[in-house]
Amino acid sequence: METAVMELAEDPVDEDRAAAVRLQIQEMLAVDAHLAADLSKMLAAASVTVTAAGERSVAAQTINGVVVTGDRAQVSR
């Protein structure tokens, strides 16, 4: 696992390296029910905090469109 993670850190956009890490995680969770339960609890308890501060600031967890904060802006699609 450590080697796969280190290789992914060297090239984080490499889909094959990411797949190797995912596979090793899946294998670890399949053989260790306690680890799987602990991870499930941690993920369920995780939360996202999004804060916007300042004039015309934007806060969002995910933006799938256009965000305009300026005056007289025109958006064409």
N, C-alpha and C. Protein backbone atom coordinates (compact mmCIF):
# COMPACT_ATOMS: atom_id res chain seq x y z
N MET A 1 0.82 -1.19 0.00
CA MET A 1 0.00 0.00 0.00
C MET A 1 0.87 1.25 0.00
N GLU A 2 1.89 1.26 0.84
CA GLU A 2 2.75 2.44 0.94
C GLU A 2 3.40 2.77 -0.40
N THR A 3 3.86 1.76 -1.10
CA THR A 3 4.50 2.00 -2.40
C THR A 3 3.51 2.59 -3.39
N ALA A 4 2.30 2.06 -3.43
CA ALA A 4 1.29 2.56 -4.36
C ALA A 4 0.94 4.01 -4.06
N VAL A 5 0.85 4.35 -2.78
CA VAL A 5 0.54 5.74 -2.39
C VAL A 5 1.70 6.66 -2.76
N MET A 6 2.91 6.22 -2.51
CA MET A 6 4.07 7.05 -2.85
C MET A 6 4.15 7.28 -4.36
N GLU A 7 3.88 6.25 -5.14
CA GLU A 7 3.90 6.39 -6.60
C GLU A 7 2.80 7.33 -7.07
N LEU A 8 1.63 7.26 -6.46
CA LEU A 8 0.55 8.18 -6.81
C LEU A 8 0.92 9.61 -6.43
N ALA A 9 1.59 9.79 -5.31
CA ALA A 9 2.02 11.13 -4.91
C ALA A 9 3.00 11.73 -5.91
N GLU A 10 3.80 10.89 -6.55
CA GLU A 10 4.74 11.36 -7.56
C GLU A 10 4.03 11.86 -8.81
N ASP A 11 2.88 11.25 -9.12
CA ASP A 11 2.13 11.62 -10.33
C ASP A 11 0.64 11.50 -10.04
N PRO A 12 0.06 12.49 -9.34
CA PRO A 12 -1.32 12.39 -8.86
C PRO A 12 -2.39 12.34 -9.95
N VAL A 13 -2.04 12.67 -11.18
CA VAL A 13 -3.04 12.62 -12.25
C VAL A 13 -3.00 11.30 -13.02
N ASP A 14 -2.10 10.42 -12.67
CA ASP A 14 -1.97 9.14 -13.34
C ASP A 14 -3.13 8.22 -12.90
N GLU A 15 -4.03 7.94 -13.83
CA GLU A 15 -5.22 7.15 -13.51
C GLU A 15 -4.87 5.72 -13.11
N ASP A 16 -3.83 5.16 -13.69
CA ASP A 16 -3.43 3.79 -13.33
C ASP A 16 -2.92 3.73 -11.90
N ARG A 17 -2.16 4.72 -11.49
CA ARG A 17 -1.65 4.75 -10.11
C ARG A 17 -2.81 4.95 -9.13
N ALA A 18 -3.76 5.81 -9.48
CA ALA A 18 -4.93 6.01 -8.62
C ALA A 18 -5.74 4.72 -8.51
N ALA A 19 -5.88 4.02 -9.62
CA ALA A 19 -6.61 2.74 -9.61
C ALA A 19 -5.90 1.72 -8.73
N ALA A 20 -4.57 1.71 -8.75
CA ALA A 20 -3.81 0.78 -7.92
C ALA A 20 -4.07 1.05 -6.43
N VAL A 21 -4.12 2.33 -6.06
CA VAL A 21 -4.39 2.68 -4.66
C VAL A 21 -5.82 2.28 -4.29
N ARG A 22 -6.78 2.57 -5.17
CA ARG A 22 -8.17 2.18 -4.90
C ARG A 22 -8.30 0.67 -4.72
N LEU A 23 -7.63 -0.09 -5.56
CA LEU A 23 -7.69 -1.54 -5.47
C LEU A 23 -7.12 -2.03 -4.14
N GLN A 24 -6.00 -1.46 -3.74
CA GLN A 24 -5.41 -1.89 -2.46
C GLN A 24 -6.31 -1.52 -1.28
N ILE A 25 -6.95 -0.36 -1.35
CA ILE A 25 -7.89 0.03 -0.28
C ILE A 25 -9.05 -0.95 -0.24
N GLN A 26 -9.61 -1.28 -1.40
CA GLN A 26 -10.72 -2.24 -1.46
C GLN A 26 -10.31 -3.58 -0.87
N GLU A 27 -9.12 -4.04 -1.20
CA GLU A 27 -8.65 -5.33 -0.69
C GLU A 27 -8.48 -5.28 0.83
N MET A 28 -7.94 -4.18 1.33
CA MET A 28 -7.75 -4.05 2.78
C MET A 28 -9.10 -4.04 3.51
N LEU A 29 -10.06 -3.33 2.96
CA LEU A 29 -11.38 -3.26 3.60
C LEU A 29 -12.11 -4.60 3.53
N ALA A 30 -11.86 -5.36 2.48
CA ALA A 30 -12.52 -6.65 2.32
C ALA A 30 -12.05 -7.67 3.36
N VAL A 31 -10.81 -7.57 3.79
CA VAL A 31 -10.27 -8.55 4.74
C VAL A 31 -10.29 -8.06 6.18
N ASP A 32 -10.59 -6.79 6.40
CA ASP A 32 -10.57 -6.24 7.76
C ASP A 32 -11.89 -5.52 8.04
N ALA A 33 -12.85 -6.26 8.59
CA ALA A 33 -14.18 -5.71 8.87
C ALA A 33 -14.12 -4.57 9.88
N HIS A 34 -13.19 -4.66 10.83
CA HIS A 34 -13.06 -3.60 11.84
C HIS A 34 -12.60 -2.29 11.18
N LEU A 35 -11.62 -2.39 10.29
CA LEU A 35 -11.15 -1.22 9.56
C LEU A 35 -12.27 -0.63 8.72
N ALA A 36 -13.02 -1.49 8.04
CA ALA A 36 -14.13 -1.02 7.21
C ALA A 36 -15.18 -0.30 8.05
N ALA A 37 -15.49 -0.83 9.23
CA ALA A 37 -16.46 -0.19 10.12
C ALA A 37 -15.95 1.15 10.63
N ASP A 38 -14.69 1.19 11.02
CA ASP A 38 -14.10 2.44 11.51
C ASP A 38 -14.11 3.51 10.41
N LEU A 39 -13.73 3.13 9.22
CA LEU A 39 -13.70 4.08 8.11
C LEU A 39 -15.11 4.57 7.79
N SER A 40 -16.07 3.67 7.83
CA SER A 40 -17.45 4.04 7.57
C SER A 40 -17.94 5.07 8.59
N LYS A 41 -17.60 4.87 9.85
CA LYS A 41 -17.99 5.81 10.90
C LYS A 41 -17.33 7.17 10.69
N MET A 42 -16.05 7.16 10.33
CA MET A 42 -15.35 8.42 10.11
C MET A 42 -15.95 9.20 8.95
N LEU A 43 -16.26 8.50 7.87
CA LEU A 43 -16.82 9.18 6.71
C LEU A 43 -18.22 9.70 7.00
N ALA A 44 -19.00 8.96 7.78
CA ALA A 44 -20.34 9.41 8.13
C ALA A 44 -20.30 10.66 9.02
N ALA A 45 -19.27 10.75 9.86
CA ALA A 45 -19.15 11.88 10.77
C ALA A 45 -18.50 13.10 10.11
N ALA A 46 -17.89 12.90 8.98
CA ALA A 46 -17.20 14.00 8.30
C ALA A 46 -18.21 15.01 7.80
N SER A 47 -17.84 16.25 7.88
CA SER A 47 -18.73 17.29 7.38
C SER A 47 -17.90 18.29 6.59
N VAL A 48 -18.60 19.07 5.82
CA VAL A 48 -17.96 20.09 5.01
C VAL A 48 -18.41 21.44 5.52
N THR A 49 -17.46 22.34 5.72
CA THR A 49 -17.77 23.70 6.12
C THR A 49 -17.30 24.62 5.01
N VAL A 50 -18.20 25.43 4.54
CA VAL A 50 -17.88 26.38 3.47
C VAL A 50 -18.17 27.77 4.01
N THR A 51 -17.18 28.65 3.91
CA THR A 51 -17.32 29.99 4.45
C THR A 51 -16.98 31.02 3.38
N ALA A 52 -17.83 32.01 3.25
CA ALA A 52 -17.54 33.13 2.36
C ALA A 52 -17.36 34.36 3.23
N ALA A 53 -16.33 35.11 2.97
CA ALA A 53 -16.08 36.31 3.76
C ALA A 53 -15.70 37.44 2.82
N GLY A 54 -16.29 38.56 3.05
CA GLY A 54 -15.95 39.71 2.23
C GLY A 54 -17.04 40.05 1.23
N GLU A 55 -16.95 41.25 0.76
CA GLU A 55 -17.93 41.75 -0.19
C GLU A 55 -17.91 40.92 -1.47
N ARG A 56 -19.08 40.50 -1.89
CA ARG A 56 -19.29 39.74 -3.13
C ARG A 56 -18.59 38.38 -3.13
N SER A 57 -18.27 37.87 -1.98
CA SER A 57 -17.63 36.56 -1.94
C SER A 57 -18.67 35.47 -2.21
N VAL A 58 -18.19 34.33 -2.65
CA VAL A 58 -19.05 33.21 -3.00
C VAL A 58 -18.59 32.01 -2.18
N ALA A 59 -19.55 31.29 -1.62
CA ALA A 59 -19.23 30.07 -0.88
C ALA A 59 -20.11 28.95 -1.40
N ALA A 60 -19.51 27.86 -1.75
CA ALA A 60 -20.26 26.70 -2.23
C ALA A 60 -19.40 25.46 -2.09
N GLN A 61 -20.05 24.35 -1.83
CA GLN A 61 -19.31 23.09 -1.81
C GLN A 61 -19.00 22.67 -3.24
N THR A 62 -19.97 22.84 -4.12
CA THR A 62 -19.80 22.49 -5.52
C THR A 62 -20.47 23.55 -6.38
N ILE A 63 -19.79 23.98 -7.41
CA ILE A 63 -20.38 24.93 -8.35
C ILE A 63 -20.41 24.25 -9.71
N ASN A 64 -21.59 24.12 -10.25
CA ASN A 64 -21.74 23.48 -11.55
C ASN A 64 -22.20 24.45 -12.62
N GLY A 65 -22.11 25.70 -12.33
CA GLY A 65 -22.55 26.70 -13.29
C GLY A 65 -21.73 27.96 -13.16
N VAL A 66 -22.33 29.04 -13.56
CA VAL A 66 -21.65 30.33 -13.57
C VAL A 66 -21.94 31.06 -12.27
N VAL A 67 -20.92 31.69 -11.72
CA VAL A 67 -21.08 32.54 -10.55
C VAL A 67 -20.62 33.93 -10.95
N VAL A 68 -21.50 34.90 -10.78
CA VAL A 68 -21.18 36.27 -11.15
C VAL A 68 -21.32 37.14 -9.92
N THR A 69 -20.30 37.91 -9.63
CA THR A 69 -20.38 38.79 -8.47
C THR A 69 -20.15 40.25 -8.86
N GLY A 70 -19.95 40.51 -10.11
CA GLY A 70 -19.65 41.88 -10.56
C GLY A 70 -20.89 42.62 -11.03
N ASP A 71 -20.75 43.90 -11.18
CA ASP A 71 -21.83 44.75 -11.69
C ASP A 71 -21.92 44.63 -13.21
N ARG A 72 -23.12 44.69 -13.70
CA ARG A 72 -23.40 44.71 -15.14
C ARG A 72 -22.76 43.54 -15.90
N ALA A 73 -22.64 42.43 -15.25
CA ALA A 73 -22.07 41.26 -15.90
C ALA A 73 -23.06 40.66 -16.87
N GLN A 74 -22.56 40.15 -17.97
CA GLN A 74 -23.41 39.46 -18.95
C GLN A 74 -22.83 38.08 -19.17
N VAL A 75 -23.70 37.09 -19.05
CA VAL A 75 -23.29 35.71 -19.22
C VAL A 75 -24.03 35.13 -20.40
N SER A 76 -23.29 34.61 -21.34
CA SER A 76 -23.89 33.98 -22.52
C SER A 76 -23.49 32.52 -22.55
N ARG A 77 -24.43 31.70 -22.91
CA ARG A 77 -24.11 30.27 -23.04
C ARG A 77 -24.40 29.83 -24.42
